């Protein structure tokens, strides 16, 4: 469910602010969608001006760049470390900076799955 980011109906003093308009759709944020480990699933959102945003809902593959400049696709098994939130480790939520266990060892996620729509990483 989206969250409303509009003007409060109360002033800082506690008094009532009279608004002659309701809530606008531009003041409502999109719902929280976390990227999980699982079968590949994506969702397309319409943004202001007709632009689109692709979010990863779940994915089990990651494009990994190795030291020699070579890139390959690996399978993700689980999340090992996530500095964003310790609960994301238990829930296997993928964010930028998360360290995941793959076929080629530990990989750090360098892309933003909720904004870019892809999973990229580097071997540690």
PDB file of N, CA and C in Angstrom:
ATOM      1  N   UNK A   1       0.831  -1.168   0.000  1.00  0.00           N
ATOM      2  CA  UNK A   1       0.000   0.000   0.000  1.00  0.00           C
ATOM      3  C   UNK A   1       0.878   1.235   0.000  1.00  0.00           C
ATOM      4  N   UNK A   2       0.506   2.240  -0.769  1.00  0.00           N
ATOM      5  CA  UNK A   2       1.285   3.463  -0.870  1.00  0.00           C
ATOM      6  C   UNK A   2       1.177   4.306   0.383  1.00  0.00           C
ATOM      7  N   UNK A   3       2.114   5.218   0.536  1.00  0.00           N
ATOM      8  CA  UNK A   3       2.130   6.097   1.691  1.00  0.00           C
ATOM      9  C   UNK A   3       1.952   7.536   1.205  1.00  0.00           C
ATOM     10  N   UNK A   4       1.161   8.326   1.926  1.00  0.00           N
ATOM     11  CA  UNK A   4       0.865   9.686   1.523  1.00  0.00           C
ATOM     12  C   UNK A   4       1.940  10.636   2.024  1.00  0.00           C
ATOM     13  N   UNK A   5       2.496  11.459   1.123  1.00  0.00           N
ATOM     14  CA  UNK A   5       3.564  12.393   1.467  1.00  0.00           C
ATOM     15  C   UNK A   5       3.124  13.841   1.247  1.00  0.00           C
ATOM     16  N   UNK A   6       1.881  14.140   1.544  1.00  0.00           N
ATOM     17  CA  UNK A   6       1.350  15.479   1.311  1.00  0.00           C
ATOM     18  C   UNK A   6       1.496  16.387   2.516  1.00  0.00           C
ATOM     19  N   UNK A   7       0.824  17.525   2.440  1.00  0.00           N
ATOM     20  CA  UNK A   7       0.872  18.525   3.504  1.00  0.00           C
ATOM     21  C   UNK A   7      -0.027  18.070   4.655  1.00  0.00           C
ATOM     22  N   UNK A   8       0.448  18.250   5.882  1.00  0.00           N
ATOM     23  CA  UNK A   8      -0.323  17.879   7.057  1.00  0.00           C
ATOM     24  C   UNK A   8      -1.520  18.806   7.226  1.00  0.00           C
ATOM     25  N   UNK A   9      -2.571  18.296   7.818  1.00  0.00           N
ATOM     26  CA  UNK A   9      -3.760  19.117   8.074  1.00  0.00           C
ATOM     27  C   UNK A   9      -3.616  19.923   9.368  1.00  0.00           C
ATOM     28  N   UNK A  10      -2.504  19.747  10.057  1.00  0.00           N
ATOM     29  CA  UNK A  10      -2.230  20.492  11.290  1.00  0.00           C
ATOM     30  C   UNK A  10      -0.999  21.361  11.119  1.00  0.00           C
ATOM     31  N   UNK A  11      -1.017  22.539  11.741  1.00  0.00           N
ATOM     32  CA  UNK A  11       0.139  23.409  11.738  1.00  0.00           C
ATOM     33  C   UNK A  11       1.137  22.922  12.778  1.00  0.00           C
ATOM     34  N   UNK A  12       2.347  23.508  12.784  1.00  0.00           N
ATOM     35  CA  UNK A  12       3.356  23.135  13.772  1.00  0.00           C
ATOM     36  C   UNK A  12       2.913  23.541  15.177  1.00  0.00           C
ATOM     37  N   UNK A  13       2.009  24.545  15.280  1.00  0.00           N
ATOM     38  CA  UNK A  13       1.511  24.989  16.575  1.00  0.00           C
ATOM     39  C   UNK A  13       0.368  24.105  17.089  1.00  0.00           C
ATOM     40  N   UNK A  14      -0.136  23.256  16.238  1.00  0.00           N
ATOM     41  CA  UNK A  14      -1.255  22.389  16.632  1.00  0.00           C
ATOM     42  C   UNK A  14      -2.581  22.865  16.082  1.00  0.00           C
ATOM     43  N   UNK A  15      -2.605  24.051  15.501  1.00  0.00           N
ATOM     44  CA  UNK A  15      -3.831  24.584  14.921  1.00  0.00           C
ATOM     45  C   UNK A  15      -4.213  23.863  13.637  1.00  0.00           C
ATOM     46  N   UNK A  16      -5.485  24.035  13.249  1.00  0.00           N
ATOM     47  CA  UNK A  16      -5.993  23.350  12.069  1.00  0.00           C
ATOM     48  C   UNK A  16      -5.700  24.164  10.824  1.00  0.00           C
ATOM     49  N   UNK A  17      -5.220  23.482   9.769  1.00  0.00           N
ATOM     50  CA  UNK A  17      -4.965  24.124   8.489  1.00  0.00           C
ATOM     51  C   UNK A  17      -6.120  23.771   7.558  1.00  0.00           C
ATOM     52  N   UNK A  18      -6.760  24.787   6.994  1.00  0.00           N
ATOM     53  CA  UNK A  18      -7.898  24.558   6.111  1.00  0.00           C
ATOM     54  C   UNK A  18      -7.376  24.369   4.693  1.00  0.00           C
ATOM     55  N   UNK A  19      -7.583  23.175   4.138  1.00  0.00           N
ATOM     56  CA  UNK A  19      -7.168  22.875   2.767  1.00  0.00           C
ATOM     57  C   UNK A  19      -8.411  22.759   1.904  1.00  0.00           C
ATOM     58  N   UNK A  20      -8.391  23.410   0.768  1.00  0.00           N
ATOM     59  CA  UNK A  20      -9.548  23.354  -0.114  1.00  0.00           C
ATOM     60  C   UNK A  20      -9.397  22.264  -1.166  1.00  0.00           C
ATOM     61  N   UNK A  21      -8.475  21.357  -0.967  1.00  0.00           N
ATOM     62  CA  UNK A  21      -8.280  20.284  -1.929  1.00  0.00           C
ATOM     63  C   UNK A  21      -8.029  18.978  -1.184  1.00  0.00           C
ATOM     64  N   UNK A  22      -8.172  17.873  -1.876  1.00  0.00           N
ATOM     65  CA  UNK A  22      -7.938  16.569  -1.266  1.00  0.00           C
ATOM     66  C   UNK A  22      -6.522  16.085  -1.522  1.00  0.00           C
ATOM     67  N   UNK A  23      -6.345  14.782  -1.473  1.00  0.00           N
ATOM     68  CA  UNK A  23      -5.041  14.198  -1.728  1.00  0.00           C
ATOM     69  C   UNK A  23      -4.817  14.101  -3.241  1.00  0.00           C
ATOM     70  N   UNK A  24      -3.589  14.363  -3.661  1.00  0.00           N
ATOM     71  CA  UNK A  24      -3.234  14.263  -5.071  1.00  0.00           C
ATOM     72  C   UNK A  24      -2.491  12.954  -5.303  1.00  0.00           C
ATOM     73  N   UNK A  25      -2.631  12.405  -6.500  1.00  0.00           N
ATOM     74  CA  UNK A  25      -1.963  11.133  -6.796  1.00  0.00           C
ATOM     75  C   UNK A  25      -0.450  11.297  -6.822  1.00  0.00           C
ATOM     76  N   UNK A  26       0.039  12.527  -7.078  1.00  0.00           N
ATOM     77  CA  UNK A  26       1.482  12.747  -7.083  1.00  0.00           C
ATOM     78  C   UNK A  26       2.063  12.755  -5.678  1.00  0.00           C
ATOM     79  N   UNK A  27       1.213  12.905  -4.662  1.00  0.00           N
ATOM     80  CA  UNK A  27       1.695  12.927  -3.283  1.00  0.00           C
ATOM     81  C   UNK A  27       1.722  11.539  -2.654  1.00  0.00           C
ATOM     82  N   UNK A  28       1.267  10.538  -3.392  1.00  0.00           N
ATOM     83  CA  UNK A  28       1.232   9.176  -2.866  1.00  0.00           C
ATOM     84  C   UNK A  28       2.415   8.404  -3.437  1.00  0.00           C
ATOM     85  N   UNK A  29       3.222   7.797  -2.567  1.00  0.00           N
ATOM     86  CA  UNK A  29       4.386   7.033  -3.017  1.00  0.00           C
ATOM     87  C   UNK A  29       3.950   5.655  -3.478  1.00  0.00           C
ATOM     88  N   UNK A  30       4.837   4.991  -4.219  1.00  0.00           N
ATOM     89  CA  UNK A  30       4.543   3.627  -4.652  1.00  0.00           C
ATOM     90  C   UNK A  30       4.747   2.684  -3.462  1.00  0.00           C
ATOM     91  N   UNK A  31       4.160   1.508  -3.543  1.00  0.00           N
ATOM     92  CA  UNK A  31       4.220   0.589  -2.415  1.00  0.00           C
ATOM     93  C   UNK A  31       5.620   0.000  -2.256  1.00  0.00           C
ATOM     94  N   UNK A  32       5.930  -0.477  -1.074  1.00  0.00           N
ATOM     95  CA  UNK A  32       7.220  -1.092  -0.788  1.00  0.00           C
ATOM     96  C   UNK A  32       7.257  -2.465  -1.462  1.00  0.00           C
ATOM     97  N   UNK A  33       8.252  -2.665  -2.308  1.00  0.00           N
ATOM     98  CA  UNK A  33       8.453  -3.946  -2.965  1.00  0.00           C
ATOM     99  C   UNK A  33       9.902  -4.344  -2.747  1.00  0.00           C
ATOM    100  N   UNK A  34      10.125  -5.462  -2.092  1.00  0.00           N
ATOM    101  CA  UNK A  34      11.470  -5.928  -1.829  1.00  0.00           C
ATOM    102  C   UNK A  34      11.866  -6.982  -2.854  1.00  0.00           C
ATOM    103  N   UNK A  35      13.131  -6.946  -3.264  1.00  0.00           N
ATOM    104  CA  UNK A  35      13.658  -7.946  -4.188  1.00  0.00           C
ATOM    105  C   UNK A  35      14.061  -9.178  -3.379  1.00  0.00           C
ATOM    106  N   UNK A  36      13.458 -10.313  -3.683  1.00  0.00           N
ATOM    107  CA  UNK A  36      13.702 -11.555  -2.964  1.00  0.00           C
ATOM    108  C   UNK A  36      14.435 -12.548  -3.853  1.00  0.00           C
ATOM    109  N   UNK A  37      14.907 -13.641  -3.261  1.00  0.00           N
ATOM    110  CA  UNK A  37      15.518 -14.722  -4.026  1.00  0.00           C
ATOM    111  C   UNK A  37      14.414 -15.704  -4.404  1.00  0.00           C
ATOM    112  N   UNK A  38      14.297 -15.995  -5.699  1.00  0.00           N
ATOM    113  CA  UNK A  38      13.260 -16.906  -6.181  1.00  0.00           C
ATOM    114  C   UNK A  38      13.191 -16.876  -7.693  1.00  0.00           C
ATOM    115  N   UNK A  39      12.082 -17.372  -8.240  1.00  0.00           N
ATOM    116  CA  UNK A  39      11.898 -17.368  -9.691  1.00  0.00           C
ATOM    117  C   UNK A  39      11.866 -15.923 -10.197  1.00  0.00           C
ATOM    118  N   UNK A  40      12.481 -15.648 -11.364  1.00  0.00           N
ATOM    119  CA  UNK A  40      12.552 -14.266 -11.867  1.00  0.00           C
ATOM    120  C   UNK A  40      11.167 -13.657 -12.101  1.00  0.00           C
ATOM    121  N   UNK A  41      10.924 -12.511 -11.438  1.00  0.00           N
ATOM    122  CA  UNK A  41       9.666 -11.781 -11.569  1.00  0.00           C
ATOM    123  C   UNK A  41       9.974 -10.297 -11.501  1.00  0.00           C
ATOM    124  N   UNK A  42       9.397  -9.524 -12.439  1.00  0.00           N
ATOM    125  CA  UNK A  42       9.590  -8.088 -12.458  1.00  0.00           C
ATOM    126  C   UNK A  42       8.254  -7.382 -12.556  1.00  0.00           C
ATOM    127  N   UNK A  43       8.221  -6.102 -12.137  1.00  0.00           N
ATOM    128  CA  UNK A  43       7.002  -5.309 -12.208  1.00  0.00           C
ATOM    129  C   UNK A  43       7.343  -3.953 -12.793  1.00  0.00           C
ATOM    130  N   UNK A  44       6.480  -3.459 -13.689  1.00  0.00           N
ATOM    131  CA  UNK A  44       6.697  -2.169 -14.337  1.00  0.00           C
ATOM    132  C   UNK A  44       5.748  -1.145 -13.722  1.00  0.00           C
ATOM    133  N   UNK A  45       6.307  -0.020 -13.288  1.00  0.00           N
ATOM    134  CA  UNK A  45       5.531   1.064 -12.697  1.00  0.00           C
ATOM    135  C   UNK A  45       5.511   2.239 -13.654  1.00  0.00           C
ATOM    136  N   UNK A  46       4.391   2.959 -13.698  1.00  0.00           N
ATOM    137  CA  UNK A  46       4.300   4.189 -14.472  1.00  0.00           C
ATOM    138  C   UNK A  46       4.612   5.349 -13.540  1.00  0.00           C
ATOM    139  N   UNK A  47       5.550   6.186 -13.955  1.00  0.00           N
ATOM    140  CA  UNK A  47       5.954   7.324 -13.154  1.00  0.00           C
ATOM    141  C   UNK A  47       5.461   8.612 -13.805  1.00  0.00           C
ATOM    142  N   UNK A  48       5.796   9.744 -13.204  1.00  0.00           N
ATOM    143  CA  UNK A  48       5.365  11.043 -13.701  1.00  0.00           C
ATOM    144  C   UNK A  48       5.926  11.304 -15.096  1.00  0.00           C
ATOM    145  N   UNK A  49       5.109  11.840 -15.971  1.00  0.00           N
ATOM    146  CA  UNK A  49       5.536  12.161 -17.324  1.00  0.00           C
ATOM    147  C   UNK A  49       5.505  10.974 -18.257  1.00  0.00           C
ATOM    148  N   UNK A  50       4.893   9.874 -17.844  1.00  0.00           N
ATOM    149  CA  UNK A  50       4.814   8.690 -18.691  1.00  0.00           C
ATOM    150  C   UNK A  50       6.059   7.831 -18.658  1.00  0.00           C
ATOM    151  N   UNK A  51       7.026   8.157 -17.801  1.00  0.00           N
ATOM    152  CA  UNK A  51       8.235   7.346 -17.680  1.00  0.00           C
ATOM    153  C   UNK A  51       7.908   6.034 -16.980  1.00  0.00           C
ATOM    154  N   UNK A  52       8.767   5.040 -17.160  1.00  0.00           N
ATOM    155  CA  UNK A  52       8.542   3.736 -16.539  1.00  0.00           C
ATOM    156  C   UNK A  52       9.705   3.380 -15.629  1.00  0.00           C
ATOM    157  N   UNK A  53       9.411   2.570 -14.638  1.00  0.00           N
ATOM    158  CA  UNK A  53      10.410   2.076 -13.699  1.00  0.00           C
ATOM    159  C   UNK A  53      10.216   0.576 -13.574  1.00  0.00           C
ATOM    160  N   UNK A  54      11.276  -0.184 -13.750  1.00  0.00           N
ATOM    161  CA  UNK A  54      11.206  -1.638 -13.634  1.00  0.00           C
ATOM    162  C   UNK A  54      11.805  -2.036 -12.299  1.00  0.00           C
ATOM    163  N   UNK A  55      11.053  -2.812 -11.525  1.00  0.00           N
ATOM    164  CA  UNK A  55      11.540  -3.305 -10.240  1.00  0.00           C
ATOM    165  C   UNK A  55      11.619  -4.827 -10.269  1.00  0.00           C
ATOM    166  N   UNK A  56      12.629  -5.358  -9.600  1.00  0.00           N
ATOM    167  CA  UNK A  56      12.738  -6.803  -9.442  1.00  0.00           C
ATOM    168  C   UNK A  56      11.935  -7.194  -8.213  1.00  0.00           C
ATOM    169  N   UNK A  57      10.991  -8.110  -8.388  1.00  0.00           N
ATOM    170  CA  UNK A  57      10.261  -8.652  -7.245  1.00  0.00           C
ATOM    171  C   UNK A  57      10.998  -9.867  -6.699  1.00  0.00           C
ATOM    172  N   UNK A  58      11.519 -10.710  -7.604  1.00  0.00           N
ATOM    173  CA  UNK A  58      12.336 -11.857  -7.195  1.00  0.00           C
ATOM    174  C   UNK A  58      13.223 -12.268  -8.359  1.00  0.00           C
ATOM    175  N   UNK A  59      14.388 -12.792  -8.027  1.00  0.00           N
ATOM    176  CA  UNK A  59      15.325 -13.277  -9.040  1.00  0.00           C
ATOM    177  C   UNK A  59      16.311 -14.213  -8.367  1.00  0.00           C
ATOM    178  N   UNK A  60      16.817 -15.180  -9.133  1.00  0.00           N
ATOM    179  CA  UNK A  60      17.790 -16.116  -8.585  1.00  0.00           C
ATOM    180  C   UNK A  60      19.084 -16.128  -9.388  1.00  0.00           C
ATOM    181  N   UNK A  61      19.229 -15.188 -10.330  1.00  0.00           N
ATOM    182  CA  UNK A  61      20.441 -15.090 -11.131  1.00  0.00           C
ATOM    183  C   UNK A  61      21.017 -13.687 -11.026  1.00  0.00           C
ATOM    184  N   UNK A  62      22.349 -13.618 -11.197  1.00  0.00           N
ATOM    185  CA  UNK A  62      23.047 -12.341 -11.080  1.00  0.00           C
ATOM    186  C   UNK A  62      24.168 -12.311 -12.115  1.00  0.00           C
ATOM    187  N   UNK A  63      24.356 -11.171 -12.765  1.00  0.00           N
ATOM    188  CA  UNK A  63      25.478 -10.985 -13.683  1.00  0.00           C
ATOM    189  C   UNK A  63      26.674 -10.522 -12.872  1.00  0.00           C
ATOM    190  N   UNK A  64      27.770 -11.299 -12.955  1.00  0.00           N
ATOM    191  CA  UNK A  64      28.933 -11.044 -12.113  1.00  0.00           C
ATOM    192  C   UNK A  64      30.121 -10.646 -12.976  1.00  0.00           C
ATOM    193  N   UNK A  65      30.794  -9.551 -12.600  1.00  0.00           N
ATOM    194  CA  UNK A  65      32.033  -9.132 -13.255  1.00  0.00           C
ATOM    195  C   UNK A  65      33.202  -9.673 -12.458  1.00  0.00           C
ATOM    196  N   UNK A  66      34.121 -10.331 -13.172  1.00  0.00           N
ATOM    197  CA  UNK A  66      35.296 -10.909 -12.525  1.00  0.00           C
ATOM    198  C   UNK A  66      36.491  -9.998 -12.747  1.00  0.00           C
ATOM    199  N   UNK A  67      37.634 -10.344 -12.128  1.00  0.00           N
ATOM    200  CA  UNK A  67      38.808  -9.484 -12.148  1.00  0.00           C
ATOM    201  C   UNK A  67      39.375  -9.288 -13.550  1.00  0.00           C
ATOM    202  N   UNK A  68      39.306 -10.277 -14.419  1.00  0.00           N
ATOM    203  CA  UNK A  68      39.877 -10.171 -15.762  1.00  0.00           C
ATOM    204  C   UNK A  68      39.015  -9.392 -16.734  1.00  0.00           C
ATOM    205  N   UNK A  69      37.929  -8.813 -16.283  1.00  0.00           N
ATOM    206  CA  UNK A  69      37.036  -8.082 -17.166  1.00  0.00           C
ATOM    207  C   UNK A  69      35.977  -8.965 -17.791  1.00  0.00           C
ATOM    208  N   UNK A  70      35.925 -10.232 -17.368  1.00  0.00           N
ATOM    209  CA  UNK A  70      34.953 -11.176 -17.894  1.00  0.00           C
ATOM    210  C   UNK A  70      33.683 -11.120 -17.045  1.00  0.00           C
ATOM    211  N   UNK A  71      32.534 -11.301 -17.682  1.00  0.00           N
ATOM    212  CA  UNK A  71      31.288 -11.344 -16.918  1.00  0.00           C
ATOM    213  C   UNK A  71      30.557 -12.640 -17.211  1.00  0.00           C
ATOM    214  N   UNK A  72      29.842 -13.128 -16.201  1.00  0.00           N
ATOM    215  CA  UNK A  72      29.100 -14.376 -16.343  1.00  0.00           C
ATOM    216  C   UNK A  72      27.850 -14.316 -15.473  1.00  0.00           C
ATOM    217  N   UNK A  73      26.911 -15.204 -15.775  1.00  0.00           N
ATOM    218  CA  UNK A  73      25.664 -15.263 -15.009  1.00  0.00           C
ATOM    219  C   UNK A  73      25.760 -16.422 -14.025  1.00  0.00           C
ATOM    220  N   UNK A  74      25.504 -16.134 -12.753  1.00  0.00           N
ATOM    221  CA  UNK A  74      25.597 -17.146 -11.696  1.00  0.00           C
ATOM    222  C   UNK A  74      24.262 -17.260 -10.976  1.00  0.00           C
ATOM    223  N   UNK A  75      24.096 -18.354 -10.238  1.00  0.00           N
ATOM    224  CA  UNK A  75      22.872 -18.586  -9.477  1.00  0.00           C
ATOM    225  C   UNK A  75      23.088 -18.184  -8.024  1.00  0.00           C
ATOM    226  N   UNK A  76      22.125 -17.449  -7.477  1.00  0.00           N
ATOM    227  CA  UNK A  76      22.194 -16.988  -6.085  1.00  0.00           C
ATOM    228  C   UNK A  76      21.529 -18.035  -5.189  1.00  0.00           C
ATOM    229  N   UNK A  77      22.200 -18.378  -4.073  1.00  0.00           N
ATOM    230  CA  UNK A  77      21.607 -19.317  -3.123  1.00  0.00           C
ATOM    231  C   UNK A  77      20.994 -18.609  -1.918  1.00  0.00           C
ATOM    232  N   UNK A  78      21.758 -17.731  -1.257  1.00  0.00           N
ATOM    233  CA  UNK A  78      21.185 -16.965  -0.141  1.00  0.00           C
ATOM    234  C   UNK A  78      22.004 -15.726   0.172  1.00  0.00           C
ATOM    235  N   UNK A  79      21.437 -14.870   1.027  1.00  0.00           N
ATOM    236  CA  UNK A  79      22.095 -13.619   1.425  1.00  0.00           C
ATOM    237  C   UNK A  79      22.943 -13.885   2.661  1.00  0.00           C
ATOM    238  N   UNK A  80      24.192 -13.429   2.612  1.00  0.00           N
ATOM    239  CA  UNK A  80      25.119 -13.664   3.727  1.00  0.00           C
ATOM    240  C   UNK A  80      25.251 -12.432   4.606  1.00  0.00           C
ATOM    241  N   UNK A  81      25.320 -11.242   3.966  1.00  0.00           N
ATOM    242  CA  UNK A  81      25.529 -10.000   4.712  1.00  0.00           C
ATOM    243  C   UNK A  81      24.749  -8.891   4.027  1.00  0.00           C
ATOM    244  N   UNK A  82      24.128  -8.017   4.841  1.00  0.00           N
ATOM    245  CA  UNK A  82      23.419  -6.869   4.296  1.00  0.00           C
ATOM    246  C   UNK A  82      23.506  -5.738   5.326  1.00  0.00           C
ATOM    247  N   UNK A  83      24.272  -4.706   5.000  1.00  0.00           N
ATOM    248  CA  UNK A  83      24.471  -3.599   5.935  1.00  0.00           C
ATOM    249  C   UNK A  83      23.234  -2.713   6.056  1.00  0.00           C
ATOM    250  N   UNK A  84      22.322  -2.786   5.087  1.00  0.00           N
ATOM    251  CA  UNK A  84      21.130  -1.938   5.122  1.00  0.00           C
ATOM    252  C   UNK A  84      20.243  -2.281   6.319  1.00  0.00           C
ATOM    253  N   UNK A  85      20.074  -3.581   6.587  1.00  0.00           N
ATOM    254  CA  UNK A  85      19.187  -4.010   7.675  1.00  0.00           C
ATOM    255  C   UNK A  85      19.514  -5.463   8.021  1.00  0.00           C
ATOM    256  N   UNK A  86      19.736  -5.793   9.293  1.00  0.00           N
ATOM    257  CA  UNK A  86      20.041  -7.183   9.650  1.00  0.00           C
ATOM    258  C   UNK A  86      18.885  -8.143   9.375  1.00  0.00           C
ATOM    259  N   UNK A  87      17.647  -7.625   9.377  1.00  0.00           N
ATOM    260  CA  UNK A  87      16.502  -8.500   9.097  1.00  0.00           C
ATOM    261  C   UNK A  87      16.455  -8.930   7.639  1.00  0.00           C
ATOM    262  N   UNK A  88      17.101  -8.176   6.743  1.00  0.00           N
ATOM    263  CA  UNK A  88      17.116  -8.538   5.329  1.00  0.00           C
ATOM    264  C   UNK A  88      17.892  -9.830   5.085  1.00  0.00           C
ATOM    265  N   UNK A  89      18.828 -10.154   5.982  1.00  0.00           N
ATOM    266  CA  UNK A  89      19.598 -11.395   5.847  1.00  0.00           C
ATOM    267  C   UNK A  89      18.677 -12.587   6.072  1.00  0.00           C
ATOM    268  N   UNK A  90      17.870 -12.530   7.110  1.00  0.00           N
ATOM    269  CA  UNK A  90      16.946 -13.620   7.423  1.00  0.00           C
ATOM    270  C   UNK A  90      15.870 -13.787   6.361  1.00  0.00           C
ATOM    271  N   UNK A  91      15.424 -12.647   5.791  1.00  0.00           N
ATOM    272  CA  UNK A  91      14.336 -12.683   4.812  1.00  0.00           C
ATOM    273  C   UNK A  91      14.827 -12.838   3.380  1.00  0.00           C
ATOM    274  N   UNK A  92      16.172 -12.925   3.176  1.00  0.00           N
ATOM    275  CA  UNK A  92      16.792 -13.054   1.853  1.00  0.00           C
ATOM    276  C   UNK A  92      16.372 -11.923   0.913  1.00  0.00           C
ATOM    277  N   UNK A  93      16.452 -10.684   1.395  1.00  0.00           N
ATOM    278  CA  UNK A  93      16.108  -9.515   0.589  1.00  0.00           C
ATOM    279  C   UNK A  93      17.385  -8.957  -0.037  1.00  0.00           C
ATOM    280  N   UNK A  94      17.314  -8.680  -1.348  1.00  0.00           N
ATOM    281  CA  UNK A  94      18.458  -8.194  -2.097  1.00  0.00           C
ATOM    282  C   UNK A  94      18.407  -6.673  -2.213  1.00  0.00           C
ATOM    283  N   UNK A  95      19.476  -6.005  -1.785  1.00  0.00           N
ATOM    284  CA  UNK A  95      19.616  -4.565  -1.944  1.00  0.00           C
ATOM    285  C   UNK A  95      21.029  -4.283  -2.430  1.00  0.00           C
ATOM    286  N   UNK A  96      21.301  -3.025  -2.785  1.00  0.00           N
ATOM    287  CA  UNK A  96      22.649  -2.656  -3.186  1.00  0.00           C
ATOM    288  C   UNK A  96      23.576  -2.787  -1.986  1.00  0.00           C
ATOM    289  N   UNK A  97      24.721  -3.432  -2.174  1.00  0.00           N
ATOM    290  CA  UNK A  97      25.678  -3.632  -1.096  1.00  0.00           C
ATOM    291  C   UNK A  97      25.522  -4.954  -0.375  1.00  0.00           C
ATOM    292  N   UNK A  98      24.473  -5.716  -0.691  1.00  0.00           N
ATOM    293  CA  UNK A  98      24.270  -7.017  -0.045  1.00  0.00           C
ATOM    294  C   UNK A  98      25.289  -8.021  -0.575  1.00  0.00           C
ATOM    295  N   UNK A  99      25.810  -8.860   0.314  1.00  0.00           N
ATOM    296  CA  UNK A  99      26.739  -9.919  -0.080  1.00  0.00           C
ATOM    297  C   UNK A  99      25.952 -11.216  -0.143  1.00  0.00           C
ATOM    298  N   UNK A 100      25.994 -11.878  -1.317  1.00  0.00           N
ATOM    299  CA  UNK A 100      25.227 -13.104  -1.524  1.00  0.00           C
ATOM    300  C   UNK A 100      26.161 -14.262  -1.825  1.00  0.00           C
ATOM    301  N   UNK A 101      25.676 -15.466  -1.556  1.00  0.00           N
ATOM    302  CA  UNK A 101      26.431 -16.683  -1.850  1.00  0.00           C
ATOM    303  C   UNK A 101      25.997 -17.199  -3.212  1.00  0.00           C
ATOM    304  N   UNK A 102      26.974 -17.471  -4.088  1.00  0.00           N
ATOM    305  CA  UNK A 102      26.684 -17.936  -5.443  1.00  0.00           C
ATOM    306  C   UNK A 102      27.559 -19.134  -5.785  1.00  0.00           C
ATOM    307  N   UNK A 103      27.458 -19.564  -7.049  1.00  0.00           N
ATOM    308  CA  UNK A 103      28.293 -20.671  -7.529  1.00  0.00           C
ATOM    309  C   UNK A 103      29.777 -20.298  -7.523  1.00  0.00           C
ATOM    310  N   UNK A 104      30.093 -19.033  -7.780  1.00  0.00           N
ATOM    311  CA  UNK A 104      31.480 -18.576  -7.876  1.00  0.00           C
ATOM    312  C   UNK A 104      31.997 -17.982  -6.579  1.00  0.00           C
ATOM    313  N   UNK A 105      31.306 -18.180  -5.478  1.00  0.00           N
ATOM    314  CA  UNK A 105      31.734 -17.643  -4.194  1.00  0.00           C
ATOM    315  C   UNK A 105      30.867 -16.471  -3.766  1.00  0.00           C
ATOM    316  N   UNK A 106      31.438 -15.613  -2.923  1.00  0.00           N
ATOM    317  CA  UNK A 106      30.692 -14.466  -2.409  1.00  0.00           C
ATOM    318  C   UNK A 106      30.711 -13.335  -3.428  1.00  0.00           C
ATOM    319  N   UNK A 107      29.529 -12.755  -3.651  1.00  0.00           N
ATOM    320  CA  UNK A 107      29.366 -11.670  -4.623  1.00  0.00           C
ATOM    321  C   UNK A 107      28.673 -10.501  -3.933  1.00  0.00           C
ATOM    322  N   UNK A 108      29.179  -9.283  -4.189  1.00  0.00           N
ATOM    323  CA  UNK A 108      28.552  -8.073  -3.648  1.00  0.00           C
ATOM    324  C   UNK A 108      27.691  -7.443  -4.745  1.00  0.00           C
ATOM    325  N   UNK A 109      26.430  -7.167  -4.422  1.00  0.00           N
ATOM    326  CA  UNK A 109      25.498  -6.573  -5.376  1.00  0.00           C
ATOM    327  C   UNK A 109      25.847  -5.097  -5.569  1.00  0.00           C
ATOM    328  N   UNK A 110      26.046  -4.674  -6.835  1.00  0.00           N
ATOM    329  CA  UNK A 110      26.428  -3.290  -7.126  1.00  0.00           C
ATOM    330  C   UNK A 110      25.285  -2.490  -7.759  1.00  0.00           C
ATOM    331  N   UNK A 111      24.244  -3.152  -8.229  1.00  0.00           N
ATOM    332  CA  UNK A 111      23.115  -2.433  -8.828  1.00  0.00           C
ATOM    333  C   UNK A 111      22.006  -2.268  -7.799  1.00  0.00           C
ATOM    334  N   UNK A 112      21.019  -1.453  -8.139  1.00  0.00           N
ATOM    335  CA  UNK A 112      19.871  -1.230  -7.250  1.00  0.00           C
ATOM    336  C   UNK A 112      18.684  -2.004  -7.829  1.00  0.00           C
ATOM    337  N   UNK A 113      18.356  -3.169  -7.278  1.00  0.00           N
ATOM    338  CA  UNK A 113      17.305  -4.005  -7.862  1.00  0.00           C
ATOM    339  C   UNK A 113      15.937  -3.336  -7.892  1.00  0.00           C
ATOM    340  N   UNK A 114      15.642  -2.470  -6.927  1.00  0.00           N
ATOM    341  CA  UNK A 114      14.353  -1.799  -6.890  1.00  0.00           C
ATOM    342  C   UNK A 114      14.240  -0.638  -7.856  1.00  0.00           C
ATOM    343  N   UNK A 115      15.364  -0.177  -8.428  1.00  0.00           N
ATOM    344  CA  UNK A 115      15.338   0.964  -9.331  1.00  0.00           C
ATOM    345  C   UNK A 115      15.843   0.622 -10.730  1.00  0.00           C
ATOM    346  N   UNK A 116      16.836  -0.277 -10.822  1.00  0.00           N
ATOM    347  CA  UNK A 116      17.452  -0.590 -12.115  1.00  0.00           C
ATOM    348  C   UNK A 116      16.740  -1.718 -12.842  1.00  0.00           C
ATOM    349  N   UNK A 117      16.194  -2.679 -12.104  1.00  0.00           N
ATOM    350  CA  UNK A 117      15.535  -3.820 -12.726  1.00  0.00           C
ATOM    351  C   UNK A 117      16.489  -4.915 -13.124  1.00  0.00           C
ATOM    352  N   UNK A 118      17.762  -4.813 -12.733  1.00  0.00           N
ATOM    353  CA  UNK A 118      18.754  -5.844 -13.029  1.00  0.00           C
ATOM    354  C   UNK A 118      19.551  -6.139 -11.757  1.00  0.00           C
ATOM    355  N   UNK A 119      20.226  -7.293 -11.752  1.00  0.00           N
ATOM    356  CA  UNK A 119      21.103  -7.661 -10.635  1.00  0.00           C
ATOM    357  C   UNK A 119      22.523  -7.805 -11.174  1.00  0.00           C
ATOM    358  N   UNK A 120      23.400  -6.888 -10.788  1.00  0.00           N
ATOM    359  CA  UNK A 120      24.813  -6.949 -11.145  1.00  0.00           C
ATOM    360  C   UNK A 120      25.627  -7.046  -9.873  1.00  0.00           C
ATOM    361  N   UNK A 121      26.805  -7.640  -9.970  1.00  0.00           N
ATOM    362  CA  UNK A 121      27.652  -7.761  -8.797  1.00  0.00           C
ATOM    363  C   UNK A 121      29.104  -7.997  -9.171  1.00  0.00           C
ATOM    364  N   UNK A 122      29.973  -7.963  -8.148  1.00  0.00           N
ATOM    365  CA  UNK A 122      31.385  -8.233  -8.318  1.00  0.00           C
ATOM    366  C   UNK A 122      31.803  -9.323  -7.335  1.00  0.00           C
ATOM    367  N   UNK A 123      32.752 -10.133  -7.763  1.00  0.00           N
ATOM    368  CA  UNK A 123      33.262 -11.216  -6.919  1.00  0.00           C
ATOM    369  C   UNK A 123      34.137 -10.615  -5.839  1.00  0.00           C
ATOM    370  N   UNK A 124      33.960 -11.074  -4.587  1.00  0.00           N
ATOM    371  CA  UNK A 124      34.801 -10.594  -3.488  1.00  0.00           C
ATOM    372  C   UNK A 124      36.010 -11.483  -3.328  1.00  0.00           C
TER     373      UNK A 124
END
